[in-house]
N, C-alpha and C. Protein backbone atom coordinates (compact mmCIF):
# COMPACT_ATOMS: atom_id res chain seq x y z
N UNK A 1 38.18 57.58 -105.53
CA UNK A 1 39.22 57.55 -104.63
C UNK A 1 40.34 56.62 -105.18
N UNK A 2 41.59 57.07 -105.07
CA UNK A 2 42.60 56.16 -105.44
C UNK A 2 42.84 54.97 -104.50
N UNK A 3 42.96 53.77 -105.04
CA UNK A 3 43.03 52.62 -104.17
C UNK A 3 44.49 52.36 -103.82
N UNK A 4 44.76 51.99 -102.59
CA UNK A 4 46.13 51.56 -102.23
C UNK A 4 46.23 50.13 -102.75
N UNK A 5 47.49 49.61 -102.86
CA UNK A 5 47.65 48.13 -103.09
C UNK A 5 47.10 47.42 -101.85
N UNK A 6 46.46 46.26 -102.17
CA UNK A 6 45.69 45.52 -101.00
C UNK A 6 46.72 45.37 -99.79
N UNK A 7 48.03 45.13 -100.00
CA UNK A 7 48.91 44.99 -98.83
C UNK A 7 49.08 46.09 -97.96
N UNK A 8 48.50 47.35 -98.42
CA UNK A 8 48.51 48.54 -97.57
C UNK A 8 47.21 48.95 -97.16
N UNK A 9 46.17 48.14 -97.37
CA UNK A 9 44.90 48.49 -96.76
C UNK A 9 44.87 48.52 -95.28
N UNK A 10 44.08 49.45 -94.63
CA UNK A 10 43.87 49.51 -93.26
C UNK A 10 42.50 49.85 -92.92
N UNK A 11 42.22 49.75 -91.60
CA UNK A 11 40.87 50.03 -91.12
C UNK A 11 40.64 51.51 -90.67
N UNK A 12 39.98 52.32 -91.54
CA UNK A 12 39.74 53.71 -91.19
C UNK A 12 38.71 53.89 -90.10
N UNK A 13 37.91 52.96 -90.05
CA UNK A 13 36.81 53.18 -89.02
C UNK A 13 37.47 52.94 -87.65
N UNK A 14 38.31 51.93 -87.58
CA UNK A 14 38.93 51.56 -86.31
C UNK A 14 39.81 52.76 -85.73
N UNK A 15 40.37 53.48 -86.86
CA UNK A 15 41.23 54.59 -86.41
C UNK A 15 40.44 55.66 -85.57
N UNK A 16 39.15 55.64 -85.70
CA UNK A 16 38.37 56.61 -84.90
C UNK A 16 37.76 56.02 -83.62
N UNK A 17 38.04 54.74 -83.36
CA UNK A 17 37.51 54.21 -82.16
C UNK A 17 38.07 54.97 -80.96
N UNK A 18 39.31 55.33 -80.88
CA UNK A 18 39.70 56.11 -79.68
C UNK A 18 39.04 57.32 -79.54
N UNK A 19 38.74 58.07 -80.60
CA UNK A 19 38.06 59.37 -80.47
C UNK A 19 36.63 59.08 -79.89
N UNK A 20 35.96 58.04 -80.38
CA UNK A 20 34.61 57.76 -79.95
C UNK A 20 34.59 57.33 -78.45
N UNK A 21 35.66 56.69 -78.10
CA UNK A 21 35.69 56.20 -76.66
C UNK A 21 35.96 57.36 -75.80
N UNK A 22 36.73 58.35 -76.20
CA UNK A 22 36.96 59.50 -75.36
C UNK A 22 35.64 60.37 -75.07
N UNK A 23 34.76 60.20 -75.96
CA UNK A 23 33.48 61.00 -75.77
C UNK A 23 32.53 60.33 -74.73
N UNK A 24 32.82 59.12 -74.38
CA UNK A 24 31.96 58.25 -73.43
C UNK A 24 32.47 58.40 -72.11
N UNK A 25 31.71 58.77 -71.14
CA UNK A 25 32.20 58.73 -69.66
C UNK A 25 32.68 57.37 -69.33
N UNK A 26 33.59 57.28 -68.26
CA UNK A 26 34.17 56.06 -67.97
C UNK A 26 33.24 55.08 -67.30
N UNK A 27 32.19 55.48 -66.80
CA UNK A 27 31.15 54.53 -66.28
C UNK A 27 29.77 55.01 -66.59
N UNK A 28 29.03 54.25 -67.33
CA UNK A 28 27.58 54.66 -67.63
C UNK A 28 26.75 53.43 -67.48
N UNK A 29 25.47 53.58 -67.39
CA UNK A 29 24.44 52.51 -67.34
C UNK A 29 24.27 51.71 -68.69
N UNK A 30 23.95 52.53 -69.70
CA UNK A 30 23.51 51.95 -71.00
C UNK A 30 24.20 52.70 -72.14
N UNK A 31 24.62 51.93 -73.20
CA UNK A 31 25.14 52.37 -74.44
C UNK A 31 24.55 51.64 -75.58
N UNK A 32 24.52 52.45 -76.68
CA UNK A 32 23.88 51.86 -77.92
C UNK A 32 24.90 52.07 -79.07
N UNK A 33 25.25 51.05 -79.82
CA UNK A 33 26.14 51.18 -80.83
C UNK A 33 25.35 50.74 -82.21
N UNK A 34 25.24 51.75 -83.10
CA UNK A 34 24.36 51.64 -84.22
C UNK A 34 25.19 51.41 -85.52
N UNK A 35 24.88 50.24 -86.15
CA UNK A 35 25.82 49.83 -87.31
C UNK A 35 27.00 49.25 -86.75
N UNK A 36 26.86 48.23 -85.76
CA UNK A 36 27.91 47.64 -84.95
C UNK A 36 28.92 46.86 -85.83
N UNK A 37 28.52 46.29 -86.98
CA UNK A 37 29.41 45.43 -87.86
C UNK A 37 29.81 44.23 -87.11
N UNK A 38 31.04 43.82 -87.03
CA UNK A 38 31.39 42.62 -86.26
C UNK A 38 31.55 42.89 -84.85
N UNK A 39 31.15 43.98 -84.29
CA UNK A 39 31.11 44.28 -82.87
C UNK A 39 32.45 44.74 -82.18
N UNK A 40 33.41 45.06 -83.01
CA UNK A 40 34.69 45.50 -82.53
C UNK A 40 34.55 46.67 -81.48
N UNK A 41 33.72 47.76 -81.86
CA UNK A 41 33.62 48.87 -80.94
C UNK A 41 32.58 48.57 -79.87
N UNK A 42 31.62 47.81 -80.12
CA UNK A 42 30.59 47.55 -79.02
C UNK A 42 31.28 46.75 -77.92
N UNK A 43 32.26 46.00 -78.24
CA UNK A 43 32.99 45.22 -77.20
C UNK A 43 33.91 46.17 -76.32
N UNK A 44 34.32 47.30 -77.00
CA UNK A 44 35.16 48.29 -76.19
C UNK A 44 34.06 48.98 -75.29
N UNK A 45 32.85 49.35 -75.85
CA UNK A 45 31.91 50.01 -75.01
C UNK A 45 31.51 49.17 -73.86
N UNK A 46 31.53 47.88 -73.94
CA UNK A 46 31.09 47.05 -72.93
C UNK A 46 31.90 47.15 -71.64
N UNK A 47 33.22 47.70 -71.82
CA UNK A 47 34.03 48.00 -70.74
C UNK A 47 33.67 49.27 -69.97
N UNK A 48 32.78 49.98 -70.44
CA UNK A 48 32.37 51.28 -69.70
C UNK A 48 30.93 51.24 -69.41
N UNK A 49 30.07 50.52 -69.98
CA UNK A 49 28.59 50.43 -69.73
C UNK A 49 28.18 49.25 -69.10
N UNK A 50 27.25 49.29 -68.26
CA UNK A 50 26.65 48.18 -67.67
C UNK A 50 25.94 47.15 -68.63
N UNK A 51 25.43 47.86 -69.66
CA UNK A 51 24.65 47.17 -70.67
C UNK A 51 24.95 47.85 -72.07
N UNK A 52 25.16 47.03 -73.03
CA UNK A 52 25.37 47.59 -74.41
C UNK A 52 24.33 46.90 -75.40
N UNK A 53 23.55 47.70 -76.14
CA UNK A 53 22.81 47.19 -77.25
C UNK A 53 23.60 47.50 -78.57
N UNK A 54 23.82 46.35 -79.32
CA UNK A 54 24.54 46.52 -80.57
C UNK A 54 23.58 46.31 -81.70
N UNK A 55 23.38 47.15 -82.59
CA UNK A 55 22.42 47.01 -83.73
C UNK A 55 23.02 47.06 -85.05
N UNK A 56 22.69 46.04 -85.95
CA UNK A 56 23.17 46.15 -87.37
C UNK A 56 22.05 45.55 -88.27
N UNK A 57 21.95 46.10 -89.31
CA UNK A 57 20.93 45.55 -90.27
C UNK A 57 21.28 44.38 -91.07
N UNK A 58 22.57 44.07 -91.11
CA UNK A 58 23.13 43.01 -91.74
C UNK A 58 23.12 41.70 -90.83
N UNK A 59 22.38 40.72 -91.34
CA UNK A 59 22.43 39.38 -90.46
C UNK A 59 23.71 38.82 -90.47
N UNK A 60 24.53 38.93 -91.57
CA UNK A 60 25.93 38.45 -91.55
C UNK A 60 26.80 38.99 -90.48
N UNK A 61 26.70 40.37 -90.39
CA UNK A 61 27.49 41.05 -89.41
C UNK A 61 27.11 40.65 -88.06
N UNK A 62 25.91 40.54 -87.77
CA UNK A 62 25.39 40.12 -86.37
C UNK A 62 25.77 38.76 -86.06
N UNK A 63 25.75 37.93 -87.01
CA UNK A 63 26.19 36.53 -86.84
C UNK A 63 27.72 36.48 -86.41
N UNK A 64 28.52 37.20 -87.20
CA UNK A 64 29.83 37.26 -86.85
C UNK A 64 30.04 37.85 -85.52
N UNK A 65 29.38 38.90 -85.27
CA UNK A 65 29.62 39.60 -83.99
C UNK A 65 29.16 38.78 -82.79
N UNK A 66 28.04 38.06 -82.90
CA UNK A 66 27.57 37.32 -81.72
C UNK A 66 28.27 36.02 -81.54
N UNK A 67 28.97 35.52 -82.60
CA UNK A 67 29.70 34.24 -82.50
C UNK A 67 31.06 34.45 -82.03
N UNK A 68 31.58 35.65 -81.90
CA UNK A 68 32.92 35.84 -81.38
C UNK A 68 33.02 35.78 -79.91
N UNK A 69 34.05 35.63 -79.25
CA UNK A 69 34.19 35.74 -77.78
C UNK A 69 33.66 37.10 -77.37
N UNK A 70 32.74 37.23 -76.48
CA UNK A 70 32.05 38.42 -76.21
C UNK A 70 31.85 38.66 -74.77
N UNK A 71 31.80 39.90 -74.18
CA UNK A 71 31.28 40.21 -72.82
C UNK A 71 29.87 39.81 -72.70
N UNK A 72 29.51 39.53 -71.58
CA UNK A 72 28.14 39.02 -71.26
C UNK A 72 27.15 40.13 -71.22
N UNK A 73 27.64 41.48 -71.33
CA UNK A 73 26.67 42.58 -71.15
C UNK A 73 26.39 43.20 -72.39
N UNK A 74 26.61 42.47 -73.55
CA UNK A 74 26.24 43.05 -74.88
C UNK A 74 25.01 42.23 -75.48
N UNK A 75 24.13 42.91 -76.00
CA UNK A 75 22.91 42.36 -76.66
C UNK A 75 23.01 42.65 -78.04
N UNK A 76 23.14 41.64 -79.01
CA UNK A 76 23.24 41.81 -80.43
C UNK A 76 21.82 41.79 -81.06
N UNK A 77 21.58 42.84 -81.89
CA UNK A 77 20.16 42.98 -82.44
C UNK A 77 20.38 43.15 -83.92
N UNK A 78 19.73 42.22 -84.79
CA UNK A 78 19.73 42.37 -86.26
C UNK A 78 18.51 43.12 -86.54
N UNK A 79 18.58 44.46 -86.99
CA UNK A 79 17.38 45.14 -87.18
C UNK A 79 17.84 46.51 -87.87
N UNK A 80 16.79 47.10 -88.41
CA UNK A 80 16.90 48.56 -89.02
C UNK A 80 16.70 49.50 -87.89
N UNK A 81 17.50 50.44 -87.56
CA UNK A 81 17.24 51.39 -86.58
C UNK A 81 15.90 52.13 -86.59
N UNK A 82 15.57 52.37 -87.92
CA UNK A 82 14.28 53.06 -88.08
C UNK A 82 12.95 52.26 -88.04
N UNK A 83 13.11 50.99 -87.79
CA UNK A 83 12.02 50.11 -87.74
C UNK A 83 11.31 50.38 -86.43
N UNK A 84 10.01 50.76 -86.45
CA UNK A 84 9.34 51.20 -85.21
C UNK A 84 9.17 49.95 -84.15
N UNK A 85 9.25 48.76 -84.75
CA UNK A 85 9.16 47.48 -83.84
C UNK A 85 10.44 47.18 -83.10
N UNK A 86 11.54 47.93 -83.53
CA UNK A 86 12.76 47.59 -82.85
C UNK A 86 12.76 47.77 -81.31
N UNK A 87 13.05 46.70 -80.58
CA UNK A 87 12.88 46.74 -79.16
C UNK A 87 14.13 47.27 -78.47
N UNK A 88 14.32 48.72 -78.48
CA UNK A 88 15.40 49.29 -77.71
C UNK A 88 14.91 49.68 -76.40
N UNK A 89 15.92 50.12 -75.54
CA UNK A 89 15.55 50.49 -74.16
C UNK A 89 14.67 51.67 -74.17
N UNK A 90 13.43 51.75 -73.60
CA UNK A 90 12.48 52.77 -73.69
C UNK A 90 13.04 53.96 -72.85
N UNK A 91 13.99 53.80 -71.92
CA UNK A 91 14.40 54.90 -71.17
C UNK A 91 15.76 55.54 -71.75
N UNK A 92 16.12 55.07 -72.96
CA UNK A 92 17.16 55.73 -73.71
C UNK A 92 18.50 55.28 -73.26
N UNK A 93 19.54 55.96 -73.77
CA UNK A 93 20.97 55.44 -73.54
C UNK A 93 21.78 56.71 -73.11
N UNK A 94 22.82 56.50 -72.24
CA UNK A 94 23.70 57.39 -71.80
C UNK A 94 24.76 57.81 -72.84
N UNK A 95 25.01 56.87 -73.78
CA UNK A 95 25.82 57.09 -74.91
C UNK A 95 25.38 56.38 -76.14
N UNK A 96 25.25 57.06 -77.35
CA UNK A 96 24.78 56.41 -78.49
C UNK A 96 25.97 56.71 -79.47
N UNK A 97 26.39 55.66 -80.24
CA UNK A 97 27.59 55.77 -81.19
C UNK A 97 27.03 55.24 -82.44
N UNK A 98 27.64 55.68 -83.63
CA UNK A 98 27.33 55.20 -84.96
C UNK A 98 28.59 55.48 -85.75
N UNK A 99 29.10 54.39 -86.25
CA UNK A 99 30.34 54.36 -87.12
C UNK A 99 30.09 53.94 -88.50
N UNK A 100 30.20 54.89 -89.42
CA UNK A 100 29.86 54.65 -90.82
C UNK A 100 28.58 53.88 -91.19
N UNK A 101 27.59 54.31 -90.36
CA UNK A 101 26.31 53.77 -90.53
C UNK A 101 25.13 54.72 -90.89
N UNK A 102 25.35 56.01 -90.56
CA UNK A 102 24.18 56.95 -90.75
C UNK A 102 23.93 57.16 -92.26
N UNK A 103 25.04 57.09 -93.05
CA UNK A 103 24.95 57.25 -94.47
C UNK A 103 24.05 56.10 -95.19
N UNK A 104 23.90 55.08 -94.52
CA UNK A 104 23.03 53.99 -94.96
C UNK A 104 21.49 54.23 -94.72
N UNK A 105 21.22 55.37 -94.14
CA UNK A 105 19.81 55.64 -93.81
C UNK A 105 19.41 57.12 -94.27
N UNK A 106 18.09 57.34 -94.37
CA UNK A 106 17.73 58.71 -94.66
C UNK A 106 18.26 59.65 -93.54
N UNK A 107 18.94 60.73 -93.90
CA UNK A 107 19.71 61.41 -92.93
C UNK A 107 18.84 61.97 -91.83
N UNK A 108 17.87 62.78 -92.12
CA UNK A 108 16.98 63.49 -91.09
C UNK A 108 16.35 62.58 -90.23
N UNK A 109 15.75 61.59 -90.72
CA UNK A 109 15.06 60.52 -89.91
C UNK A 109 16.05 59.78 -88.98
N UNK A 110 17.21 59.55 -89.51
CA UNK A 110 18.24 58.81 -88.67
C UNK A 110 18.73 59.75 -87.65
N UNK A 111 19.06 61.02 -87.76
CA UNK A 111 19.49 61.89 -86.76
C UNK A 111 18.41 62.20 -85.69
N UNK A 112 17.18 62.21 -86.22
CA UNK A 112 16.01 62.39 -85.26
C UNK A 112 15.85 61.17 -84.36
N UNK A 113 16.03 60.08 -84.99
CA UNK A 113 15.84 58.76 -84.05
C UNK A 113 17.11 58.65 -83.15
N UNK A 114 18.28 58.99 -83.61
CA UNK A 114 19.48 58.88 -82.73
C UNK A 114 19.25 59.86 -81.46
N UNK A 115 18.78 61.14 -81.83
CA UNK A 115 18.56 62.12 -80.74
C UNK A 115 17.58 61.65 -79.78
N UNK A 116 16.61 60.96 -80.22
CA UNK A 116 15.43 60.40 -79.28
C UNK A 116 16.06 59.43 -78.35
N UNK A 117 17.03 58.67 -78.81
CA UNK A 117 17.53 57.59 -78.06
C UNK A 117 18.65 57.98 -76.94
N UNK A 118 19.03 59.17 -77.05
CA UNK A 118 19.96 59.74 -75.94
C UNK A 118 19.16 60.15 -74.84
N UNK A 119 19.62 59.78 -73.66
CA UNK A 119 18.99 60.23 -72.49
C UNK A 119 19.47 61.69 -72.12
N UNK A 120 18.65 62.45 -71.40
CA UNK A 120 19.20 63.85 -70.98
C UNK A 120 20.52 63.75 -70.35
N UNK A 121 21.40 64.65 -70.82
CA UNK A 121 22.89 64.62 -70.21
C UNK A 121 23.71 63.65 -70.92
N UNK A 122 23.08 62.78 -71.83
CA UNK A 122 23.86 61.79 -72.63
C UNK A 122 24.57 62.37 -73.89
N UNK A 123 25.33 61.40 -74.56
CA UNK A 123 26.04 61.85 -75.58
C UNK A 123 25.83 61.00 -76.90
N UNK A 124 25.78 61.77 -77.96
CA UNK A 124 25.74 61.12 -79.34
C UNK A 124 26.97 61.44 -80.06
N UNK A 125 27.74 60.42 -80.42
CA UNK A 125 29.09 60.48 -81.18
C UNK A 125 28.93 59.69 -82.49
N UNK A 126 29.11 60.43 -83.59
CA UNK A 126 29.04 59.82 -84.92
C UNK A 126 30.31 59.94 -85.73
N UNK A 127 30.75 58.95 -86.35
CA UNK A 127 31.73 58.99 -87.29
C UNK A 127 31.11 58.65 -88.69
N UNK A 128 31.01 59.52 -89.60
CA UNK A 128 30.41 59.24 -90.83
C UNK A 128 30.97 59.69 -92.08
N UNK A 129 30.32 59.35 -93.14
CA UNK A 129 30.79 59.70 -94.52
C UNK A 129 29.98 60.88 -95.14
N UNK A 130 30.60 61.49 -96.07
CA UNK A 130 29.79 62.55 -96.70
C UNK A 130 30.21 62.50 -98.25
N UNK A 131 29.40 63.00 -99.06
CA UNK A 131 29.62 63.10 -100.50
C UNK A 131 30.39 64.26 -100.83
N UNK A 132 31.47 64.20 -101.55
CA UNK A 132 32.34 65.25 -101.85
C UNK A 132 31.55 66.10 -102.83
N UNK A 133 31.57 67.39 -102.69
CA UNK A 133 30.90 68.36 -103.52
C UNK A 133 31.71 69.65 -103.87
N UNK A 134 32.30 70.25 -102.80
CA UNK A 134 33.04 71.52 -102.93
C UNK A 134 34.44 71.35 -103.38
N UNK A 135 35.03 72.52 -103.64
CA UNK A 135 36.45 72.65 -103.93
C UNK A 135 37.26 72.14 -102.71
N UNK A 136 36.84 72.48 -101.48
CA UNK A 136 37.53 72.14 -100.27
C UNK A 136 37.50 70.60 -100.11
N UNK A 137 36.38 70.04 -100.34
CA UNK A 137 36.22 68.53 -100.28
C UNK A 137 37.27 67.89 -101.11
N UNK A 138 37.37 68.30 -102.29
CA UNK A 138 38.36 67.55 -103.32
C UNK A 138 39.77 68.01 -102.95
N UNK A 139 39.98 69.26 -102.46
CA UNK A 139 41.40 69.65 -102.03
C UNK A 139 41.90 68.88 -100.92
N UNK A 140 40.96 68.33 -100.03
CA UNK A 140 41.36 67.53 -98.91
C UNK A 140 42.07 66.27 -99.30
N UNK A 141 41.83 65.86 -100.55
CA UNK A 141 42.49 64.65 -100.98
C UNK A 141 44.03 64.82 -101.08
N UNK A 142 44.46 65.99 -101.24
CA UNK A 142 45.86 66.48 -101.36
C UNK A 142 46.65 65.93 -100.16
N UNK A 143 45.76 66.12 -98.98
CA UNK A 143 46.36 65.77 -97.69
C UNK A 143 46.07 64.17 -97.35
N UNK A 144 44.74 63.90 -97.62
CA UNK A 144 44.28 62.53 -97.26
C UNK A 144 45.03 61.46 -98.01
N UNK A 145 45.12 61.57 -99.28
CA UNK A 145 45.78 60.46 -100.06
C UNK A 145 47.16 60.12 -99.59
N UNK A 146 48.08 61.09 -99.51
CA UNK A 146 49.38 60.63 -98.95
C UNK A 146 49.42 60.14 -97.60
N UNK A 147 48.53 60.76 -96.68
CA UNK A 147 48.40 60.37 -95.31
C UNK A 147 47.89 58.86 -95.30
N UNK A 148 46.86 58.54 -96.10
CA UNK A 148 46.35 57.20 -96.17
C UNK A 148 47.53 56.15 -96.56
N UNK A 149 48.29 56.58 -97.65
CA UNK A 149 49.34 55.62 -98.04
C UNK A 149 50.45 55.46 -96.91
N UNK A 150 50.73 56.58 -96.22
CA UNK A 150 51.79 56.58 -95.16
C UNK A 150 51.37 55.67 -94.01
N UNK A 151 49.97 55.87 -93.62
CA UNK A 151 49.62 55.02 -92.55
C UNK A 151 49.57 53.52 -92.96
N UNK A 152 49.11 53.24 -94.20
CA UNK A 152 49.06 51.95 -94.72
C UNK A 152 50.38 51.23 -94.65
N UNK A 153 51.47 52.05 -95.15
CA UNK A 153 52.81 51.54 -95.14
C UNK A 153 53.28 51.25 -93.66
N UNK A 154 53.05 52.19 -92.85
CA UNK A 154 53.40 52.05 -91.44
C UNK A 154 52.86 50.77 -90.76
N UNK A 155 51.51 50.52 -91.02
CA UNK A 155 50.83 49.44 -90.45
C UNK A 155 51.36 48.20 -91.06
N UNK A 156 51.62 48.15 -92.41
CA UNK A 156 52.04 46.94 -93.08
C UNK A 156 53.42 46.59 -92.63
N UNK A 157 54.26 47.49 -92.32
CA UNK A 157 55.60 47.17 -91.79
C UNK A 157 55.62 46.57 -90.43
N UNK A 158 54.58 46.82 -89.68
CA UNK A 158 54.38 46.19 -88.32
C UNK A 158 53.39 45.01 -88.43
N UNK A 159 53.03 44.58 -89.51
CA UNK A 159 52.11 43.44 -89.63
C UNK A 159 50.67 43.67 -89.02
N UNK A 160 50.36 45.05 -89.22
CA UNK A 160 48.98 45.48 -88.71
C UNK A 160 47.95 45.98 -89.73
N UNK A 161 48.41 45.71 -90.98
CA UNK A 161 47.58 46.18 -92.13
C UNK A 161 46.32 45.22 -92.32
N UNK A 162 45.43 45.56 -93.27
CA UNK A 162 44.33 44.83 -93.54
C UNK A 162 43.04 45.44 -92.97
N UNK A 163 41.92 44.85 -93.39
CA UNK A 163 40.59 45.41 -92.88
C UNK A 163 39.83 44.18 -92.40
N UNK A 164 40.21 43.58 -91.31
CA UNK A 164 39.48 42.40 -90.82
C UNK A 164 38.04 42.66 -90.41
N UNK A 165 37.80 43.91 -89.99
CA UNK A 165 36.52 44.33 -89.51
C UNK A 165 35.53 44.55 -90.63
N UNK A 166 36.05 44.74 -91.87
CA UNK A 166 35.26 45.09 -92.90
C UNK A 166 34.70 43.90 -93.85
N UNK A 167 35.15 42.73 -93.52
CA UNK A 167 34.85 41.51 -94.30
C UNK A 167 33.38 41.37 -94.14
N UNK A 168 32.66 41.27 -95.43
CA UNK A 168 31.15 41.14 -95.44
C UNK A 168 30.37 42.26 -95.08
N UNK A 169 31.05 43.42 -94.79
CA UNK A 169 30.23 44.56 -94.37
C UNK A 169 29.58 45.17 -95.60
N UNK A 170 28.37 45.61 -95.48
CA UNK A 170 27.59 46.26 -96.67
C UNK A 170 28.27 47.58 -96.91
N UNK A 171 28.44 47.98 -98.19
CA UNK A 171 29.06 49.20 -98.52
C UNK A 171 28.07 50.10 -99.36
N UNK A 172 28.00 51.33 -99.03
CA UNK A 172 27.10 52.11 -99.82
C UNK A 172 27.66 53.54 -99.84
N UNK A 173 27.65 54.21 -101.07
CA UNK A 173 28.21 55.57 -101.15
C UNK A 173 27.37 56.57 -100.49
N UNK A 174 27.92 57.53 -99.75
CA UNK A 174 27.10 58.52 -99.17
C UNK A 174 26.39 59.44 -100.21
N UNK A 175 25.26 59.96 -99.89
CA UNK A 175 24.55 60.87 -100.78
C UNK A 175 24.39 62.20 -100.35
N UNK A 176 24.60 62.38 -99.00
CA UNK A 176 24.55 63.73 -98.32
C UNK A 176 25.83 64.48 -98.31
N UNK A 177 25.92 65.72 -98.71
CA UNK A 177 27.17 66.55 -98.57
C UNK A 177 27.32 66.94 -97.10
N UNK A 178 28.52 67.46 -96.90
CA UNK A 178 28.91 67.97 -95.56
C UNK A 178 27.98 69.09 -95.21
N UNK A 179 27.62 69.94 -96.17
CA UNK A 179 26.75 71.10 -95.84
C UNK A 179 25.29 70.63 -95.55
N UNK A 180 24.86 69.48 -96.24
CA UNK A 180 23.56 68.97 -95.86
C UNK A 180 23.59 68.40 -94.46
N UNK A 181 24.63 67.75 -94.12
CA UNK A 181 24.60 67.06 -92.75
C UNK A 181 24.70 68.21 -91.74
N UNK A 182 25.51 69.22 -92.03
CA UNK A 182 25.60 70.40 -91.10
C UNK A 182 24.18 71.02 -90.83
N UNK A 183 23.46 71.22 -92.07
CA UNK A 183 22.17 71.87 -91.85
C UNK A 183 21.25 70.96 -91.08
N UNK A 184 21.19 69.63 -91.30
CA UNK A 184 20.35 68.70 -90.52
C UNK A 184 20.68 68.79 -89.20
N UNK A 185 22.00 68.74 -88.81
CA UNK A 185 22.47 68.67 -87.37
C UNK A 185 21.99 69.92 -86.76
N UNK A 186 22.04 71.09 -87.36
CA UNK A 186 21.67 72.38 -86.72
C UNK A 186 20.22 72.23 -86.42
N UNK A 187 19.39 71.71 -87.23
CA UNK A 187 18.00 71.66 -87.04
C UNK A 187 17.59 70.59 -85.95
N UNK A 188 18.31 69.47 -85.91
CA UNK A 188 17.89 68.41 -85.14
C UNK A 188 18.67 68.25 -83.83
N UNK A 189 19.88 68.74 -83.92
CA UNK A 189 20.81 68.50 -82.76
C UNK A 189 21.51 69.90 -82.44
N UNK A 190 20.75 70.85 -81.92
CA UNK A 190 21.30 72.15 -81.67
C UNK A 190 22.46 72.16 -80.73
N UNK A 191 23.59 72.77 -81.23
CA UNK A 191 24.81 72.80 -80.46
C UNK A 191 25.79 71.72 -80.80
N UNK A 192 25.37 70.75 -81.69
CA UNK A 192 26.29 69.71 -82.11
C UNK A 192 27.58 70.26 -82.75
N UNK A 193 28.64 69.53 -82.56
CA UNK A 193 29.88 70.00 -83.24
C UNK A 193 30.14 68.94 -84.33
N UNK A 194 30.26 69.55 -85.58
CA UNK A 194 30.50 68.71 -86.72
C UNK A 194 31.84 69.07 -87.31
N UNK A 195 32.81 68.19 -87.54
CA UNK A 195 34.13 68.48 -87.92
C UNK A 195 34.52 67.54 -89.12
N UNK A 196 35.05 68.13 -90.11
CA UNK A 196 35.61 67.41 -91.33
C UNK A 196 36.91 66.73 -90.80
N UNK A 197 37.12 65.35 -91.11
CA UNK A 197 38.27 64.66 -90.70
C UNK A 197 39.03 64.01 -91.90
N UNK A 198 40.20 63.55 -91.59
CA UNK A 198 40.98 62.84 -92.54
C UNK A 198 40.27 61.55 -92.91
N UNK A 199 40.74 60.93 -94.00
CA UNK A 199 40.37 59.70 -94.33
C UNK A 199 38.85 59.60 -94.70
N UNK A 200 38.31 60.65 -95.38
CA UNK A 200 36.98 60.64 -95.87
C UNK A 200 35.87 60.41 -94.88
N UNK A 201 36.10 61.09 -93.74
CA UNK A 201 35.12 60.96 -92.65
C UNK A 201 34.78 62.31 -92.05
N UNK A 202 33.68 62.35 -91.25
CA UNK A 202 33.39 63.57 -90.47
C UNK A 202 33.04 62.95 -89.18
N UNK A 203 33.14 63.78 -88.11
CA UNK A 203 32.55 63.48 -86.76
C UNK A 203 31.64 64.40 -86.33
N UNK A 204 30.59 63.96 -85.60
CA UNK A 204 29.44 64.67 -85.07
C UNK A 204 29.32 64.34 -83.59
N UNK A 205 29.36 65.35 -82.83
CA UNK A 205 29.29 65.15 -81.35
C UNK A 205 28.23 66.09 -80.78
N UNK A 206 27.40 65.52 -79.99
CA UNK A 206 26.15 66.09 -79.35
C UNK A 206 25.89 65.72 -78.02
N UNK A 207 25.81 66.68 -77.12
CA UNK A 207 25.42 66.35 -75.75
C UNK A 207 23.90 66.80 -75.59
N UNK A 208 23.11 65.85 -75.15
CA UNK A 208 21.69 66.18 -74.98
C UNK A 208 21.45 67.08 -73.76
N UNK A 209 20.76 68.20 -73.92
CA UNK A 209 20.49 69.02 -72.76
C UNK A 209 19.86 68.26 -71.55
N UNK A 210 20.23 68.77 -70.46
CA UNK A 210 19.74 68.05 -69.21
C UNK A 210 20.88 67.30 -68.38
N UNK A 211 20.45 66.89 -67.22
CA UNK A 211 21.47 66.21 -66.39
C UNK A 211 21.28 64.74 -66.43
N UNK A 212 22.43 64.04 -66.41
CA UNK A 212 22.27 62.58 -66.38
C UNK A 212 21.61 62.24 -65.05
N UNK A 213 20.68 61.16 -65.18
CA UNK A 213 20.07 60.72 -63.98
C UNK A 213 21.07 60.21 -62.93
């Protein structure tokens, strides 16, 4: 990927926060944010959920998240989502979100665990990374690269550039292609909507069959 000058860097994950929030009903009982980082999106979820569990494997990220001014209805957990000892709500969650975190875990076990954590009638919304493999993947750069620069310049001109949410965040390159993610989703999350997005991301949206309690 061609790097922009540091002055034009901006937060690609935060760009998708509005999309994630649109997938969550305006009022729910419980939400789970997986790979919460410094807690920026978990704090937004706290405005819609009575209780939010925010999980990240990075102790540094959880320390930053928990030490910021926070709503009282967020619980910060430093843990691996796939750890069987992780004390999550046994009744599951009305909304489960994951932002740039699934690619840090084995794909199929991660999707299986996320699906298990969604209550009937609930929502799983993922913003993820994929490994470029096909001609279409690489052709997307013809659109993404200039768009990335244009957004960076726009934000810099308004004093909103930078990646404050990314400081100290663990970085790992994705190993799964979009085709592999699609195949896993079809097996584990039947009916899920997977879309290629700008800025080297994909979105995955799944509503668990059943009615919300």
